[in-house]
C-alpha atoms as a PDB file:
ATOM      1  CA  UNK A   1      35.735  56.701-144.476  1.00  0.00           C
ATOM      2  CA  UNK A   2      33.952  60.005-144.007  1.00  0.00           C
ATOM      3  CA  UNK A   3      33.106  60.855-147.616  1.00  0.00           C
ATOM      4  CA  UNK A   4      31.012  63.697-149.001  1.00  0.00           C
ATOM      5  CA  UNK A   5      28.183  62.196-151.014  1.00  0.00           C
ATOM      6  CA  UNK A   6      27.508  65.244-153.171  1.00  0.00           C
ATOM      7  CA  UNK A   7      29.579  68.367-152.455  1.00  0.00           C
ATOM      8  CA  UNK A   8      27.573  70.600-154.786  1.00  0.00           C
ATOM      9  CA  UNK A   9      24.294  69.749-153.095  1.00  0.00           C
ATOM     10  CA  UNK A  10      22.770  69.364-156.561  1.00  0.00           C
ATOM     11  CA  UNK A  11      21.397  66.167-158.062  1.00  0.00           C
ATOM     12  CA  UNK A  12      20.524  65.301-161.633  1.00  0.00           C
ATOM     13  CA  UNK A  13      16.785  64.839-161.228  1.00  0.00           C
ATOM     14  CA  UNK A  14      17.535  63.049-157.961  1.00  0.00           C
ATOM     15  CA  UNK A  15      19.334  60.221-159.800  1.00  0.00           C
ATOM     16  CA  UNK A  16      22.443  58.861-158.114  1.00  0.00           C
ATOM     17  CA  UNK A  17      24.159  55.487-158.185  1.00  0.00           C
ATOM     18  CA  UNK A  18      25.879  53.526-155.449  1.00  0.00           C
ATOM     19  CA  UNK A  19      29.508  53.066-156.390  1.00  0.00           C
ATOM     20  CA  UNK A  20      32.434  51.338-154.733  1.00  0.00           C
ATOM     21  CA  UNK A  21      35.937  52.376-155.820  1.00  0.00           C
ATOM     22  CA  UNK A  22      39.243  50.796-154.801  1.00  0.00           C
ATOM     23  CA  UNK A  23      41.794  53.605-154.546  1.00  0.00           C
ATOM     24  CA  UNK A  24      45.341  53.213-153.252  1.00  0.00           C
ATOM     25  CA  UNK A  25      44.361  49.924-151.619  1.00  0.00           C
ATOM     26  CA  UNK A  26      41.332  51.330-149.770  1.00  0.00           C
ATOM     27  CA  UNK A  27      37.649  50.890-150.566  1.00  0.00           C
ATOM     28  CA  UNK A  28      35.446  53.988-150.928  1.00  0.00           C
ATOM     29  CA  UNK A  29      31.658  53.666-151.093  1.00  0.00           C
ATOM     30  CA  UNK A  30      29.934  56.570-152.805  1.00  0.00           C
ATOM     31  CA  UNK A  31      26.482  57.561-153.945  1.00  0.00           C
ATOM     32  CA  UNK A  32      27.019  59.853-156.947  1.00  0.00           C
ATOM     33  CA  UNK A  33      25.513  60.981-160.213  1.00  0.00           C
ATOM     34  CA  UNK A  34      26.584  58.776-163.153  1.00  0.00           C
ATOM     35  CA  UNK A  35      28.018  61.821-164.961  1.00  0.00           C
ATOM     36  CA  UNK A  36      30.698  62.530-162.301  1.00  0.00           C
ATOM     37  CA  UNK A  37      34.202  62.206-163.736  1.00  0.00           C
ATOM     38  CA  UNK A  38      36.772  60.059-161.989  1.00  0.00           C
ATOM     39  CA  UNK A  39      38.781  63.246-161.368  1.00  0.00           C
ATOM     40  CA  UNK A  40      35.870  64.940-159.589  1.00  0.00           C
ATOM     41  CA  UNK A  41      35.110  61.784-157.605  1.00  0.00           C
ATOM     42  CA  UNK A  42      38.719  61.686-156.397  1.00  0.00           C
ATOM     43  CA  UNK A  43      38.987  65.378-155.534  1.00  0.00           C
ATOM     44  CA  UNK A  44      35.476  66.482-154.558  1.00  0.00           C
ATOM     45  CA  UNK A  45      33.882  63.348-153.112  1.00  0.00           C
ATOM     46  CA  UNK A  46      36.811  61.418-151.619  1.00  0.00           C
ATOM     47  CA  UNK A  47      39.170  64.300-150.817  1.00  0.00           C
ATOM     48  CA  UNK A  48      42.268  62.977-152.615  1.00  0.00           C
ATOM     49  CA  UNK A  49      43.452  66.302-154.007  1.00  0.00           C
ATOM     50  CA  UNK A  50      46.870  65.191-155.288  1.00  0.00           C
ATOM     51  CA  UNK A  51      45.382  64.569-158.737  1.00  0.00           C
ATOM     52  CA  UNK A  52      45.032  67.986-160.380  1.00  0.00           C
ATOM     53  CA  UNK A  53      42.419  69.515-162.659  1.00  0.00           C
ATOM     54  CA  UNK A  54      44.286  71.327-165.411  1.00  0.00           C
ATOM     55  CA  UNK A  55      42.558  71.644-168.766  1.00  0.00           C
ATOM     56  CA  UNK A  56      39.621  69.293-167.979  1.00  0.00           C
ATOM     57  CA  UNK A  57      39.805  68.258-171.659  1.00  0.00           C
ATOM     58  CA  UNK A  58      42.395  65.448-171.619  1.00  0.00           C
ATOM     59  CA  UNK A  59      45.140  67.577-173.159  1.00  0.00           C
ATOM     60  CA  UNK A  60      47.529  68.408-170.302  1.00  0.00           C
ATOM     61  CA  UNK A  61      47.954  65.197-168.271  1.00  0.00           C
ATOM     62  CA  UNK A  62      47.707  66.893-164.845  1.00  0.00           C
ATOM     63  CA  UNK A  63      44.894  64.482-163.952  1.00  0.00           C
ATOM     64  CA  UNK A  64      46.782  61.286-164.853  1.00  0.00           C
ATOM     65  CA  UNK A  65      46.123  58.343-162.535  1.00  0.00           C
ATOM     66  CA  UNK A  66      46.731  54.613-162.867  1.00  0.00           C
ATOM     67  CA  UNK A  67      43.918  52.111-163.358  1.00  0.00           C
ATOM     68  CA  UNK A  68      45.080  48.515-163.022  1.00  0.00           C
ATOM     69  CA  UNK A  69      48.580  49.857-163.714  1.00  0.00           C
ATOM     70  CA  UNK A  70      47.680  51.726-166.912  1.00  0.00           C
ATOM     71  CA  UNK A  71      47.716  55.505-167.104  1.00  0.00           C
ATOM     72  CA  UNK A  72      44.534  57.383-167.929  1.00  0.00           C
ATOM     73  CA  UNK A  73      43.326  60.980-167.935  1.00  0.00           C
ATOM     74  CA  UNK A  74      40.831  60.943-165.078  1.00  0.00           C
ATOM     75  CA  UNK A  75      39.080  64.099-166.333  1.00  0.00           C
ATOM     76  CA  UNK A  76      37.926  62.248-169.459  1.00  0.00           C
ATOM     77  CA  UNK A  77      36.394  59.212-167.802  1.00  0.00           C
ATOM     78  CA  UNK A  78      33.378  58.598-165.612  1.00  0.00           C
ATOM     79  CA  UNK A  79      33.878  57.278-162.097  1.00  0.00           C
ATOM     80  CA  UNK A  80      31.217  54.587-162.654  1.00  0.00           C
ATOM     81  CA  UNK A  81      33.482  52.947-165.251  1.00  0.00           C
ATOM     82  CA  UNK A  82      36.032  51.944-162.613  1.00  0.00           C
ATOM     83  CA  UNK A  83      34.099  49.904-160.089  1.00  0.00           C
ATOM     84  CA  UNK A  84      36.065  46.676-159.616  1.00  0.00           C
ATOM     85  CA  UNK A  85      39.324  48.241-160.855  1.00  0.00           C
ATOM     86  CA  UNK A  86      42.354  49.264-158.768  1.00  0.00           C
ATOM     87  CA  UNK A  87      42.964  53.007-159.007  1.00  0.00           C
ATOM     88  CA  UNK A  88      46.305  54.480-157.940  1.00  0.00           C
ATOM     89  CA  UNK A  89      46.741  58.207-157.429  1.00  0.00           C
ATOM     90  CA  UNK A  90      49.928  60.091-156.561  1.00  0.00           C
ATOM     91  CA  UNK A  91      49.059  59.565-152.896  1.00  0.00           C
ATOM     92  CA  UNK A  92      49.417  55.810-153.474  1.00  0.00           C
ATOM     93  CA  UNK A  93      52.859  55.795-155.107  1.00  0.00           C
ATOM     94  CA  UNK A  94      54.805  55.900-151.829  1.00  0.00           C
ATOM     95  CA  UNK A  95      54.800  52.670-149.805  1.00  0.00           C
ATOM     96  CA  UNK A  96      55.088  52.353-146.037  1.00  0.00           C
ATOM     97  CA  UNK A  97      56.315  55.927-145.619  1.00  0.00           C
ATOM     98  CA  UNK A  98      58.956  55.621-148.335  1.00  0.00           C
ATOM     99  CA  UNK A  99      59.061  57.652-151.518  1.00  0.00           C
ATOM    100  CA  UNK A 100      59.255  55.612-154.697  1.00  0.00           C
ATOM    101  CA  UNK A 101      62.545  55.744-156.600  1.00  0.00           C
ATOM    102  CA  UNK A 102      60.807  57.982-159.133  1.00  0.00           C
ATOM    103  CA  UNK A 103      59.526  60.440-156.515  1.00  0.00           C
ATOM    104  CA  UNK A 104      62.988  60.686-154.994  1.00  0.00           C
ATOM    105  CA  UNK A 105      64.575  61.179-158.419  1.00  0.00           C
ATOM    106  CA  UNK A 106      62.140  64.032-159.172  1.00  0.00           C
ATOM    107  CA  UNK A 107      63.386  65.764-156.013  1.00  0.00           C
ATOM    108  CA  UNK A 108      67.067  65.154-156.766  1.00  0.00           C
ATOM    109  CA  UNK A 109      66.831  66.316-160.393  1.00  0.00           C
ATOM    110  CA  UNK A 110      64.461  69.253-159.866  1.00  0.00           C
ATOM    111  CA  UNK A 111      61.806  67.520-161.952  1.00  0.00           C
ATOM    112  CA  UNK A 112      59.272  70.115-160.882  1.00  0.00           C
ATOM    113  CA  UNK A 113      58.993  73.832-160.248  1.00  0.00           C
ATOM    114  CA  UNK A 114      55.501  74.942-159.235  1.00  0.00           C
ATOM    115  CA  UNK A 115      54.522  71.286-158.732  1.00  0.00           C
ATOM    116  CA  UNK A 116      51.053  71.490-160.264  1.00  0.00           C
ATOM    117  CA  UNK A 117      51.757  68.954-163.021  1.00  0.00           C
ATOM    118  CA  UNK A 118      53.990  66.758-160.841  1.00  0.00           C
ATOM    119  CA  UNK A 119      51.331  64.255-159.648  1.00  0.00           C
ATOM    120  CA  UNK A 120      50.319  63.543-163.241  1.00  0.00           C
ATOM    121  CA  UNK A 121      53.950  63.395-164.360  1.00  0.00           C
ATOM    122  CA  UNK A 122      54.746  60.880-161.587  1.00  0.00           C
ATOM    123  CA  UNK A 123      51.767  58.633-162.334  1.00  0.00           C
ATOM    124  CA  UNK A 124      52.408  58.767-166.062  1.00  0.00           C
ATOM    125  CA  UNK A 125      56.137  58.037-165.689  1.00  0.00           C
ATOM    126  CA  UNK A 126      55.429  55.153-163.298  1.00  0.00           C
ATOM    127  CA  UNK A 127      53.233  53.457-165.894  1.00  0.00           C
ATOM    128  CA  UNK A 128      55.503  54.451-168.776  1.00  0.00           C
ATOM    129  CA  UNK A 129      58.491  52.698-167.217  1.00  0.00           C
ATOM    130  CA  UNK A 130      56.427  49.516-166.883  1.00  0.00           C
ATOM    131  CA  UNK A 131      55.193  49.838-170.485  1.00  0.00           C
ATOM    132  CA  UNK A 132      58.795  50.081-171.662  1.00  0.00           C
ATOM    133  CA  UNK A 133      59.894  47.120-169.523  1.00  0.00           C
ATOM    134  CA  UNK A 134      57.039  45.071-171.011  1.00  0.00           C
ATOM    135  CA  UNK A 135      58.301  45.768-174.542  1.00  0.00           C
ATOM    136  CA  UNK A 136      55.541  48.171-175.606  1.00  0.00           C
ATOM    137  CA  UNK A 137      56.856  50.308-178.489  1.00  0.00           C
ATOM    138  CA  UNK A 138      56.231  54.024-178.963  1.00  0.00           C
ATOM    139  CA  UNK A 139      55.914  56.150-182.103  1.00  0.00           C
ATOM    140  CA  UNK A 140      59.701  56.692-182.091  1.00  0.00           C
ATOM    141  CA  UNK A 141      60.746  53.090-181.431  1.00  0.00           C
ATOM    142  CA  UNK A 142      63.009  52.070-184.331  1.00  0.00           C
ATOM    143  CA  UNK A 143      61.427  48.628-184.808  1.00  0.00           C
ATOM    144  CA  UNK A 144      57.941  48.167-183.387  1.00  0.00           C
ATOM    145  CA  UNK A 145      58.188  44.399-183.885  1.00  0.00           C
ATOM    146  CA  UNK A 146      61.196  44.258-181.575  1.00  0.00           C
ATOM    147  CA  UNK A 147      60.699  43.753-177.853  1.00  0.00           C
ATOM    148  CA  UNK A 148      64.016  45.408-177.057  1.00  0.00           C
ATOM    149  CA  UNK A 149      64.947  49.009-177.681  1.00  0.00           C
ATOM    150  CA  UNK A 150      66.993  51.650-175.946  1.00  0.00           C
ATOM    151  CA  UNK A 151      65.444  53.634-173.083  1.00  0.00           C
ATOM    152  CA  UNK A 152      66.618  56.858-174.702  1.00  0.00           C
ATOM    153  CA  UNK A 153      65.796  60.496-174.088  1.00  0.00           C
ATOM    154  CA  UNK A 154      63.854  60.424-177.358  1.00  0.00           C
ATOM    155  CA  UNK A 155      61.757  57.482-176.121  1.00  0.00           C
ATOM    156  CA  UNK A 156      61.074  59.185-172.780  1.00  0.00           C
ATOM    157  CA  UNK A 157      60.028  62.459-174.406  1.00  0.00           C
ATOM    158  CA  UNK A 158      57.661  60.683-176.794  1.00  0.00           C
ATOM    159  CA  UNK A 159      56.142  58.501-174.090  1.00  0.00           C
ATOM    160  CA  UNK A 160      55.654  61.488-171.747  1.00  0.00           C
ATOM    161  CA  UNK A 161      54.332  63.840-174.464  1.00  0.00           C
ATOM    162  CA  UNK A 162      50.796  63.675-173.029  1.00  0.00           C
ATOM    163  CA  UNK A 163      51.955  65.400-169.843  1.00  0.00           C
ATOM    164  CA  UNK A 164      52.641  69.123-170.081  1.00  0.00           C
ATOM    165  CA  UNK A 165      54.779  71.216-167.739  1.00  0.00           C
ATOM    166  CA  UNK A 166      54.085  74.902-168.145  1.00  0.00           C
ATOM    167  CA  UNK A 167      57.158  75.771-166.048  1.00  0.00           C
ATOM    168  CA  UNK A 168      59.440  73.914-168.454  1.00  0.00           C
ATOM    169  CA  UNK A 169      61.003  71.419-166.028  1.00  0.00           C
ATOM    170  CA  UNK A 170      61.380  68.853-168.813  1.00  0.00           C
ATOM    171  CA  UNK A 171      65.161  68.420-168.468  1.00  0.00           C
ATOM    172  CA  UNK A 172      64.805  67.473-164.803  1.00  0.00           C
ATOM    173  CA  UNK A 173      61.794  65.261-165.527  1.00  0.00           C
ATOM    174  CA  UNK A 174      63.707  63.275-168.170  1.00  0.00           C
ATOM    175  CA  UNK A 175      66.770  62.965-165.907  1.00  0.00           C
ATOM    176  CA  UNK A 176      64.580  61.787-163.020  1.00  0.00           C
ATOM    177  CA  UNK A 177      62.895  59.147-165.169  1.00  0.00           C
ATOM    178  CA  UNK A 178      66.274  57.917-166.472  1.00  0.00           C
ATOM    179  CA  UNK A 179      67.600  57.579-162.904  1.00  0.00           C
ATOM    180  CA  UNK A 180      64.479  55.834-161.613  1.00  0.00           C
ATOM    181  CA  UNK A 181      64.557  53.426-164.550  1.00  0.00           C
ATOM    182  CA  UNK A 182      68.160  52.477-163.822  1.00  0.00           C
ATOM    183  CA  UNK A 183      67.596  52.245-160.048  1.00  0.00           C
ATOM    184  CA  UNK A 184      63.920  51.289-159.624  1.00  0.00           C
ATOM    185  CA  UNK A 185      64.267  49.568-156.256  1.00  0.00           C
ATOM    186  CA  UNK A 186      65.668  52.527-154.282  1.00  0.00           C
ATOM    187  CA  UNK A 187      63.345  54.025-151.675  1.00  0.00           C
ATOM    188  CA  UNK A 188      63.804  56.961-149.324  1.00  0.00           C
ATOM    189  CA  UNK A 189      62.116  57.360-145.930  1.00  0.00           C
ATOM    190  CA  UNK A 190      59.901  60.375-145.399  1.00  0.00           C
ATOM    191  CA  UNK A 191      57.243  61.444-142.974  1.00  0.00           C
ATOM    192  CA  UNK A 192      54.662  63.869-144.344  1.00  0.00           C
ATOM    193  CA  UNK A 193      56.279  65.032-147.595  1.00  0.00           C
ATOM    194  CA  UNK A 194      54.119  64.310-150.646  1.00  0.00           C
ATOM    195  CA  UNK A 195      54.732  65.172-154.279  1.00  0.00           C
END
């Protein structure tokens, strides 16, 4: 991979670390300052610009990626923390040229308008569906000791509350998640269309 080692040209007293990250099934070897966030490593060093920088404070969810299947805010973590972990960005959600059921549902239900928050919404919803299937309760689950509860609109809204959409596409986002949950195995062929 042709990777920029330090796009700013600046170094913290000349101190950089070798780092190997596994992202979307590919290995990326970097030499970066230890203070570089995972978000900046993805966007500025590796060139995966699907993950967005919104607030850069962990409040909006635009930077959500998956690490070993769990969703995190990549702006709030250091890249050096994730050596040896599998990182999935929005670019890694489609498989073999096919949109995931969730990506296709976002298109069908207008789960986006400007699209800026969409990569974070998609990564967060992907993990959220798995959390629900694994019996993880939320703050609105009626009985947190139970492993079974309804995949309701209330549950979806609570579980997705860390991802903001300034355009207000929440109705379409919830509908898309409901459809993908009920039909997780559906895929749709595409060529160069990425959400």
